[in-house]
Amino acid sequence: MRNKIKKFFIIISTFMLLTGCAQEHVLEQLGIITAFGFDKGEEERELSGSFITYKFSQELSNENSPIHSTGRTARDAFNRAFSKTSKQLVTGQLRAALYGPELAKEGIWPHLNGLQRNQFVSNLIYITVTDIPAKEVLSAQIYEEAPNVGIYIYTLLDQVVGKEQIIDSSLHEFVKNYMKIGADPITPVLSKKNDRVIVTGLGLFQDDRLMETIDLREAFYVRLILDEFKAGELQVELPVDNYQQFMEDFEPSPDEEPLSISVQQVRSSSAITVKEPETYRFDLDINFEGEIRELSKEIDLENEEVIRTLEKALSKKIEENIKKILEKTQELNVDSFGFGTFWNSTFKGNKKLSEEEWRKEYPNFQFDINVKTKILRHGVTQ
């Protein structure tokens, strides 16, 4: 995270050097917006906006304070924020946009549309939702080495995306999935704990409306379906009875705790094929390779039979959890994985699904899930 913060300072410092000494006082007049959040306002059809800015002083130290304003639209709230600061607000270094839960459930496209048309805003900014009002998340006071909470949120998201704990949630990705037929957007969910911003999971959208949130454990399986990855951690619990023959001094007990296992992902891949077009049946094949990092029981991991038994059990557990995630998206009628897009890329002419047909049929899609797990090496046993 520290490297990301340094990168921000390099960008700002370079900008200052390029402008020259003659522009020093101009920079001191700027309020560089690094993040903003929008919530439903107290009045009908009113937005409440919170803007986090980076401000320069003559000593190049930062002054950090949020600016709050309201308006009928995001642009209106932004314009009203001008009247609450002596600084000139600019969006060229905007890094994250947060939308509160109530606003997100109503739909965020009216507020994103202007953002993605703004030539000064990068399409790589992070789009997120919050499980408490966005204003509260942006009020967090602990943000480590970051100059303000906006830069902290950016570096936090950059880190969890880089470590492949969640998928990319840029403005570009959101707009792409919103616009095309057959896929729905996904965003990270932010919250606040102990006065610090945290990532709690993923938000599942239908078009531009937030329908449901899932935690980080469930988010792991979303990643497995969507793409190839080389990071992440799988944590599951397995019935301990299946491994008692491999454990020393095992004594059965009705209150016996399950076997907890942590597997560090090394690589994974997924492949989707249409198996039966007439019934919308898909094959979903996933290969998962990982290293055992922790076990809650003493088991002989040098025994090949143990490894094969664990591989089969992990494959079954992954299949079960993927099935649950798919069933949840079908109940909500949110195609977070883009199966509709895959269908339309497979077929031509009248076999392609219109938007209406896709929405109607997605809850009826059928999936045959096949997972192959390979344990590569063994780590620490605790």
Protein backbone atom coordinates (compact mmCIF):
# COMPACT_ATOMS: atom_id res chain seq x y z
CA MET A 1 0.00 0.00 0.00
CA ARG A 2 2.88 2.35 0.79
CA ASN A 3 4.15 2.13 -2.82
CA LYS A 4 0.73 3.23 -4.13
CA ILE A 5 0.79 6.26 -1.85
CA LYS A 6 4.30 7.14 -3.05
CA LYS A 7 3.07 6.87 -6.63
CA PHE A 8 0.36 9.45 -5.90
CA PHE A 9 2.93 11.86 -4.47
CA ILE A 10 5.19 11.35 -7.50
CA ILE A 11 2.31 12.27 -9.82
CA ILE A 12 1.51 15.40 -7.82
CA SER A 13 5.19 16.37 -7.47
CA THR A 14 5.77 15.92 -11.20
CA PHE A 15 2.77 18.10 -11.89
CA MET A 16 4.20 20.78 -9.60
CA LEU A 17 7.62 20.69 -11.27
CA LEU A 18 6.10 20.95 -14.73
CA THR A 19 4.05 23.97 -13.74
CA GLY A 20 7.15 25.83 -12.47
CA CYS A 21 7.65 28.18 -9.58
CA ALA A 22 5.44 30.83 -11.15
CA GLN A 23 2.44 28.54 -10.64
CA GLU A 24 3.11 27.81 -6.96
CA HIS A 25 0.30 29.99 -5.69
CA VAL A 26 -2.09 28.50 -8.25
CA LEU A 27 -1.50 25.01 -6.81
CA GLU A 28 -2.17 26.31 -3.33
CA GLN A 29 -5.59 27.39 -4.55
CA LEU A 30 -6.54 23.87 -5.67
CA GLY A 31 -8.67 21.34 -3.83
CA ILE A 32 -7.90 18.07 -5.62
CA ILE A 33 -10.82 15.66 -5.17
CA THR A 34 -9.50 12.15 -4.52
CA ALA A 35 -12.80 10.46 -3.62
CA PHE A 36 -16.46 11.30 -3.24
CA GLY A 37 -19.56 9.60 -1.88
CA PHE A 38 -23.25 10.06 -2.57
CA ASP A 39 -26.23 9.14 -0.40
CA LYS A 40 -29.93 9.78 -0.59
CA GLY A 41 -30.69 13.20 0.83
CA GLU A 42 -33.24 14.06 3.48
CA GLU A 43 -35.53 15.69 0.94
CA GLU A 44 -37.25 13.84 -1.90
CA ARG A 45 -35.07 13.53 -5.03
CA GLU A 46 -32.13 15.04 -3.16
CA LEU A 47 -28.55 13.79 -3.18
CA SER A 48 -26.14 14.24 -0.31
CA GLY A 49 -22.53 14.46 -1.46
CA SER A 50 -19.26 14.14 0.47
CA PHE A 51 -16.00 15.18 -1.21
CA ILE A 52 -12.51 14.31 0.04
CA THR A 53 -9.86 16.74 -1.18
CA TYR A 54 -6.09 17.03 -1.19
CA LYS A 55 -5.00 20.60 -0.48
CA PHE A 56 -1.56 22.17 -0.78
CA SER A 57 0.07 24.61 1.61
CA GLN A 58 3.32 26.53 1.16
CA GLU A 59 5.11 23.81 3.14
CA LEU A 60 3.58 21.14 0.86
CA SER A 61 1.83 19.59 3.85
CA ASN A 62 -1.69 18.39 3.37
CA GLU A 63 -4.85 19.71 4.97
CA ASN A 64 -7.59 17.11 5.02
CA SER A 65 -11.28 17.82 5.57
CA PRO A 66 -14.41 16.57 3.78
CA ILE A 67 -16.77 18.94 2.04
CA HIS A 68 -20.48 18.16 2.26
CA SER A 69 -23.20 19.47 -0.04
CA THR A 70 -26.60 18.54 -1.43
CA GLY A 71 -28.21 18.80 -4.84
CA ARG A 72 -30.79 17.37 -7.22
CA THR A 73 -28.03 15.79 -9.28
CA ALA A 74 -24.41 14.81 -8.74
CA ARG A 75 -23.31 17.81 -10.79
CA ASP A 76 -25.55 20.10 -8.77
CA ALA A 77 -24.07 18.81 -5.50
CA PHE A 78 -20.57 19.24 -6.92
CA ASN A 79 -21.27 22.84 -7.97
CA ARG A 80 -22.69 23.64 -4.53
CA ALA A 81 -19.54 22.27 -2.93
CA PHE A 82 -17.66 25.14 -4.60
CA SER A 83 -19.43 27.58 -2.30
CA LYS A 84 -18.13 25.76 0.80
CA THR A 85 -14.41 26.12 0.17
CA SER A 86 -12.00 28.83 -0.91
CA LYS A 87 -10.19 26.24 -3.03
CA GLN A 88 -10.85 25.54 -6.69
CA LEU A 89 -12.15 21.96 -6.81
CA VAL A 90 -10.73 19.75 -9.57
CA THR A 91 -11.36 16.07 -10.40
CA GLY A 92 -8.22 15.16 -12.34
CA GLN A 93 -6.93 12.92 -9.52
CA LEU A 94 -10.28 11.33 -8.59
CA ARG A 95 -9.63 7.74 -7.49
CA ALA A 96 -12.86 6.31 -6.03
CA ALA A 97 -16.61 6.88 -6.12
CA LEU A 98 -18.77 5.56 -3.27
CA TYR A 99 -22.55 5.11 -3.38
CA GLY A 100 -24.62 4.54 -0.25
CA PRO A 101 -26.88 1.48 0.06
CA GLU A 102 -30.23 3.21 -0.35
CA LEU A 103 -29.08 5.14 -3.39
CA ALA A 104 -27.47 2.04 -4.92
CA LYS A 105 -30.70 0.05 -4.55
CA GLU A 106 -32.54 2.69 -6.58
CA GLY A 107 -29.92 2.73 -9.35
CA ILE A 108 -26.64 4.60 -9.82
CA TRP A 109 -26.54 5.05 -13.60
CA PRO A 110 -28.00 8.59 -13.50
CA HIS A 111 -25.03 9.54 -11.31
CA LEU A 112 -22.43 7.54 -13.28
CA ASN A 113 -23.50 8.75 -16.70
CA GLY A 114 -22.13 12.24 -16.19
CA LEU A 115 -19.01 10.86 -14.53
CA GLN A 116 -18.07 8.66 -17.48
CA ARG A 117 -18.61 11.60 -19.85
CA ASN A 118 -16.28 13.86 -17.86
CA GLN A 119 -13.04 14.14 -19.84
CA PHE A 120 -11.09 14.97 -16.68
CA VAL A 121 -12.12 11.74 -14.89
CA SER A 122 -10.23 8.53 -15.64
CA ASN A 123 -12.31 5.49 -16.55
CA LEU A 124 -10.04 3.52 -14.20
CA ILE A 125 -11.45 5.04 -11.00
CA TYR A 126 -13.00 2.53 -8.62
CA ILE A 127 -16.79 2.30 -8.40
CA THR A 128 -17.96 1.00 -5.02
CA VAL A 129 -21.03 0.70 -2.83
CA THR A 130 -21.18 0.95 0.96
CA ASP A 131 -23.20 -0.99 3.53
CA ILE A 132 -23.60 2.13 5.66
CA PRO A 133 -24.02 5.69 4.37
CA ALA A 134 -21.10 6.67 2.15
CA LYS A 135 -20.70 9.81 4.26
CA GLU A 136 -19.91 7.64 7.30
CA VAL A 137 -17.33 5.57 5.43
CA LEU A 138 -15.57 8.73 4.26
CA SER A 139 -15.48 10.02 7.84
CA ALA A 140 -12.94 7.34 8.83
CA GLN A 141 -10.00 8.90 10.65
CA ILE A 142 -7.44 6.09 10.42
CA TYR A 143 -5.79 5.85 7.01
CA GLU A 144 -2.18 4.89 7.79
CA GLU A 145 0.45 6.71 5.66
CA ALA A 146 -2.10 8.01 3.16
CA PRO A 147 -2.61 11.80 3.09
CA ASN A 148 -6.38 11.41 3.31
CA VAL A 149 -9.09 8.76 3.35
CA GLY A 150 -9.66 9.09 -0.41
CA ILE A 151 -6.12 8.00 -1.24
CA TYR A 152 -6.36 5.29 1.41
CA ILE A 153 -9.48 3.83 -0.24
CA TYR A 154 -7.75 3.87 -3.62
CA THR A 155 -4.64 2.08 -2.31
CA LEU A 156 -6.78 -0.38 -0.34
CA LEU A 157 -8.80 -1.33 -3.43
CA ASP A 158 -5.68 -1.44 -5.58
CA GLN A 159 -4.17 -3.84 -3.09
CA VAL A 160 -7.12 -6.26 -2.81
CA VAL A 161 -7.55 -6.28 -6.60
CA GLY A 162 -3.81 -6.85 -7.04
CA LYS A 163 -3.92 -9.73 -4.59
CA GLU A 164 -6.96 -11.05 -6.49
CA GLN A 165 -9.23 -11.02 -3.44
CA ILE A 166 -11.85 -9.21 -5.51
CA ILE A 167 -12.29 -8.51 -9.21
CA ASP A 168 -11.61 -5.21 -11.00
CA SER A 169 -14.35 -2.68 -10.33
CA SER A 170 -13.31 0.27 -12.45
CA LEU A 171 -15.72 2.73 -14.05
CA HIS A 172 -14.78 1.15 -17.39
CA GLU A 173 -15.75 -2.35 -16.21
CA PHE A 174 -19.02 -1.18 -14.66
CA VAL A 175 -20.11 0.73 -17.77
CA LYS A 176 -19.08 -2.15 -20.06
CA ASN A 177 -21.18 -4.69 -18.16
CA TYR A 178 -24.07 -2.27 -17.75
CA MET A 179 -24.22 -1.52 -21.46
CA LYS A 180 -23.94 -4.99 -22.96
CA ILE A 181 -26.68 -7.61 -23.10
CA GLY A 182 -26.01 -10.69 -21.00
CA ALA A 183 -24.00 -9.41 -18.04
CA ASP A 184 -24.52 -7.40 -14.87
CA PRO A 185 -21.97 -5.27 -12.95
CA ILE A 186 -20.22 -6.18 -9.71
CA THR A 187 -18.58 -3.75 -7.29
CA PRO A 188 -16.70 -3.97 -3.98
CA VAL A 189 -18.62 -3.22 -0.79
CA LEU A 190 -16.95 -0.83 1.66
CA SER A 191 -17.68 -0.31 5.32
CA LYS A 192 -16.05 1.20 8.39
CA LYS A 193 -14.69 -0.68 11.39
CA ASN A 194 -12.75 0.84 14.28
CA ASP A 195 -12.64 4.13 12.36
CA ARG A 196 -10.93 2.45 9.39
CA VAL A 197 -12.31 1.73 5.89
CA ILE A 198 -12.55 -1.99 5.09
CA VAL A 199 -13.67 -4.13 2.16
CA THR A 200 -16.45 -6.50 3.26
CA GLY A 201 -17.46 -8.21 0.02
CA LEU A 202 -19.05 -7.68 -3.38
CA GLY A 203 -22.25 -6.00 -4.51
CA LEU A 204 -24.35 -7.82 -7.12
CA PHE A 205 -26.23 -5.54 -9.50
CA GLN A 206 -29.15 -5.98 -11.86
CA ASP A 207 -28.45 -3.33 -14.48
CA ASP A 208 -27.54 -0.36 -12.25
CA ARG A 209 -29.46 -1.42 -9.13
CA LEU A 210 -27.81 -3.11 -6.16
CA MET A 211 -29.71 -6.33 -5.45
CA GLU A 212 -27.57 -8.15 -2.89
CA THR A 213 -24.18 -8.20 -1.22
CA ILE A 214 -21.97 -11.23 -0.56
CA ASP A 215 -19.06 -11.60 1.83
CA LEU A 216 -15.41 -12.13 0.91
CA ARG A 217 -15.63 -15.91 1.30
CA GLU A 218 -18.41 -16.04 -1.28
CA ALA A 219 -16.49 -13.57 -3.42
CA PHE A 220 -13.73 -16.17 -3.74
CA TYR A 221 -16.05 -18.42 -5.75
CA VAL A 222 -17.17 -15.52 -7.94
CA ARG A 223 -13.52 -15.06 -8.90
CA LEU A 224 -13.10 -18.75 -9.67
CA ILE A 225 -15.92 -18.63 -12.20
CA LEU A 226 -15.01 -15.35 -13.84
CA ASP A 227 -11.36 -15.66 -14.77
CA GLU A 228 -7.92 -17.19 -14.35
CA PHE A 229 -6.22 -16.23 -11.10
CA LYS A 230 -2.92 -16.84 -9.35
CA ALA A 231 -3.76 -15.65 -5.84
CA GLY A 232 -6.41 -15.88 -3.17
CA GLU A 233 -7.11 -18.17 -0.26
CA LEU A 234 -9.69 -20.93 0.13
CA GLN A 235 -10.96 -21.64 3.63
CA VAL A 236 -13.35 -24.53 4.21
CA GLU A 237 -14.48 -26.92 6.90
CA LEU A 238 -14.65 -30.68 6.28
CA PRO A 239 -16.12 -33.53 8.37
CA VAL A 240 -13.32 -34.75 10.61
CA ASP A 241 -14.56 -38.37 10.60
CA ASN A 242 -13.27 -38.89 7.07
CA TYR A 243 -9.70 -38.32 8.26
CA GLN A 244 -9.63 -40.06 11.64
CA GLN A 245 -7.67 -42.98 10.21
CA PHE A 246 -4.88 -40.54 9.32
CA MET A 247 -4.81 -38.85 12.73
CA GLU A 248 -2.84 -39.91 15.78
CA ASP A 249 -4.69 -40.48 19.06
CA PHE A 250 -8.06 -39.65 17.52
CA GLU A 251 -10.99 -40.14 19.88
CA PRO A 252 -14.48 -39.72 18.38
CA SER A 253 -16.69 -37.18 20.14
CA PRO A 254 -20.25 -35.99 19.40
CA ASP A 255 -19.00 -32.41 19.80
CA GLU A 256 -15.96 -32.91 17.59
CA GLU A 257 -15.09 -29.75 15.66
CA PRO A 258 -14.78 -30.04 11.86
CA LEU A 259 -11.45 -30.05 10.09
CA SER A 260 -10.64 -26.47 9.11
CA ILE A 261 -8.32 -26.13 6.15
CA SER A 262 -6.72 -23.11 4.49
CA VAL A 263 -5.43 -23.48 0.94
CA GLN A 264 -3.36 -20.77 -0.73
CA GLN A 265 -4.33 -20.59 -4.38
CA VAL A 266 -1.46 -20.94 -6.85
CA ARG A 267 -3.49 -20.86 -10.03
CA SER A 268 -6.97 -21.53 -11.35
CA SER A 269 -8.77 -21.57 -14.65
CA SER A 270 -12.38 -21.80 -15.75
CA ALA A 271 -14.05 -22.86 -18.98
CA ILE A 272 -17.68 -22.45 -19.98
CA THR A 273 -19.34 -24.41 -22.78
CA VAL A 274 -22.94 -24.74 -23.91
CA LYS A 275 -23.87 -28.39 -23.36
CA GLU A 276 -27.54 -28.47 -24.37
CA PRO A 277 -28.76 -25.35 -26.22
CA GLU A 278 -32.42 -26.39 -26.13
CA THR A 279 -32.45 -26.40 -22.31
CA TYR A 280 -29.88 -23.65 -21.67
CA ARG A 281 -27.54 -26.14 -20.03
CA PHE A 282 -23.90 -25.15 -19.51
CA ASP A 283 -20.78 -27.03 -18.53
CA LEU A 284 -18.66 -25.09 -16.04
CA ASP A 285 -15.20 -26.65 -15.67
CA ILE A 286 -12.78 -25.29 -13.07
CA ASN A 287 -9.21 -26.33 -12.34
CA PHE A 288 -7.90 -25.25 -8.96
CA GLU A 289 -4.33 -25.69 -7.73
CA GLY A 290 -3.14 -24.65 -4.31
CA GLU A 291 -0.87 -25.22 -1.34
CA ILE A 292 -2.11 -26.22 2.09
CA ARG A 293 -1.24 -23.46 4.54
CA GLU A 294 -3.06 -24.51 7.69
CA LEU A 295 -4.92 -27.47 9.16
CA SER A 296 -6.76 -27.44 12.48
CA LYS A 297 -5.88 -31.11 13.14
CA GLU A 298 -2.66 -33.10 13.03
CA ILE A 299 -2.85 -35.12 9.80
CA ASP A 300 -0.07 -36.92 7.96
CA LEU A 301 0.30 -34.86 4.77
CA GLU A 302 3.13 -37.07 3.55
CA ASN A 303 0.55 -39.77 2.92
CA GLU A 304 -0.59 -39.68 -0.72
CA GLU A 305 -3.94 -41.18 0.23
CA VAL A 306 -4.54 -38.20 2.51
CA ILE A 307 -3.76 -35.79 -0.31
CA ARG A 308 -6.06 -37.57 -2.77
CA THR A 309 -8.85 -37.65 -0.17
CA LEU A 310 -8.42 -33.93 0.51
CA GLU A 311 -8.42 -33.11 -3.20
CA LYS A 312 -11.73 -34.91 -3.72
CA ALA A 313 -13.27 -33.29 -0.65
CA LEU A 314 -12.12 -29.81 -1.70
CA SER A 315 -13.47 -30.32 -5.23
CA LYS A 316 -16.84 -31.33 -3.82
CA LYS A 317 -16.89 -28.36 -1.42
CA ILE A 318 -16.01 -25.89 -4.19
CA GLU A 319 -18.74 -27.35 -6.41
CA GLU A 320 -21.29 -27.01 -3.60
CA ASN A 321 -20.39 -23.39 -2.90
CA ILE A 322 -20.35 -22.43 -6.59
CA LYS A 323 -23.78 -24.00 -6.94
CA LYS A 324 -25.05 -21.88 -4.04
CA ILE A 325 -23.68 -18.69 -5.61
CA LEU A 326 -25.22 -19.50 -8.99
CA GLU A 327 -28.58 -20.29 -7.39
CA LYS A 328 -28.46 -16.98 -5.51
CA THR A 329 -27.84 -15.02 -8.72
CA GLN A 330 -30.69 -16.86 -10.44
CA GLU A 331 -33.07 -16.11 -7.56
CA LEU A 332 -32.12 -12.43 -7.85
CA ASN A 333 -32.02 -12.62 -11.67
CA VAL A 334 -28.58 -11.04 -11.79
CA ASP A 335 -26.17 -12.48 -14.35
CA SER A 336 -22.99 -11.48 -12.55
CA PHE A 337 -20.92 -13.97 -14.57
CA GLY A 338 -22.05 -12.94 -18.05
CA PHE A 339 -23.53 -16.29 -19.10
CA GLY A 340 -25.93 -14.40 -21.35
CA THR A 341 -23.01 -12.68 -23.08
CA PHE A 342 -21.26 -16.03 -23.50
CA TRP A 343 -24.43 -17.47 -25.04
CA ASN A 344 -24.69 -14.63 -27.54
CA SER A 345 -21.03 -14.97 -28.47
CA THR A 346 -21.60 -18.68 -29.16
CA PHE A 347 -24.70 -18.42 -31.35
CA LYS A 348 -25.76 -16.26 -34.28
CA GLY A 349 -28.99 -15.03 -35.79
CA ASN A 350 -32.27 -15.83 -34.07
CA LYS A 351 -30.52 -18.01 -31.47
CA LYS A 352 -29.09 -14.89 -29.86
CA LEU A 353 -30.95 -13.68 -26.79
CA SER A 354 -32.50 -10.24 -26.67
CA GLU A 355 -32.30 -8.37 -23.38
CA GLU A 356 -35.88 -9.37 -22.55
CA GLU A 357 -35.27 -13.03 -23.41
CA TRP A 358 -32.07 -13.10 -21.38
CA ARG A 359 -33.79 -11.69 -18.29
CA LYS A 360 -36.64 -14.17 -18.69
CA GLU A 361 -34.45 -17.23 -19.25
CA TYR A 362 -31.47 -16.66 -16.93
CA PRO A 363 -33.29 -18.03 -13.85
CA ASN A 364 -33.86 -21.22 -15.87
CA PHE A 365 -30.24 -21.71 -16.97
CA GLN A 366 -28.79 -25.06 -15.86
CA PHE A 367 -25.20 -25.66 -14.83
CA ASP A 368 -23.13 -28.82 -14.60
CA ILE A 369 -20.21 -27.90 -12.35
CA ASN A 370 -16.99 -29.89 -12.56
CA VAL A 371 -14.06 -28.98 -10.31
CA LYS A 372 -10.63 -30.59 -10.32
CA THR A 373 -8.39 -29.77 -7.38
CA LYS A 374 -4.67 -30.40 -7.15
CA ILE A 375 -2.66 -29.91 -3.98
CA LEU A 376 0.86 -28.97 -5.01
CA ARG A 377 2.81 -28.78 -1.77
CA HIS A 378 2.12 -28.78 1.94
CA GLY A 379 2.68 -25.87 4.30
CA VAL A 380 2.33 -25.39 8.03
CA THR A 381 0.14 -27.67 10.14
CA GLN A 382 -1.32 -26.17 13.28
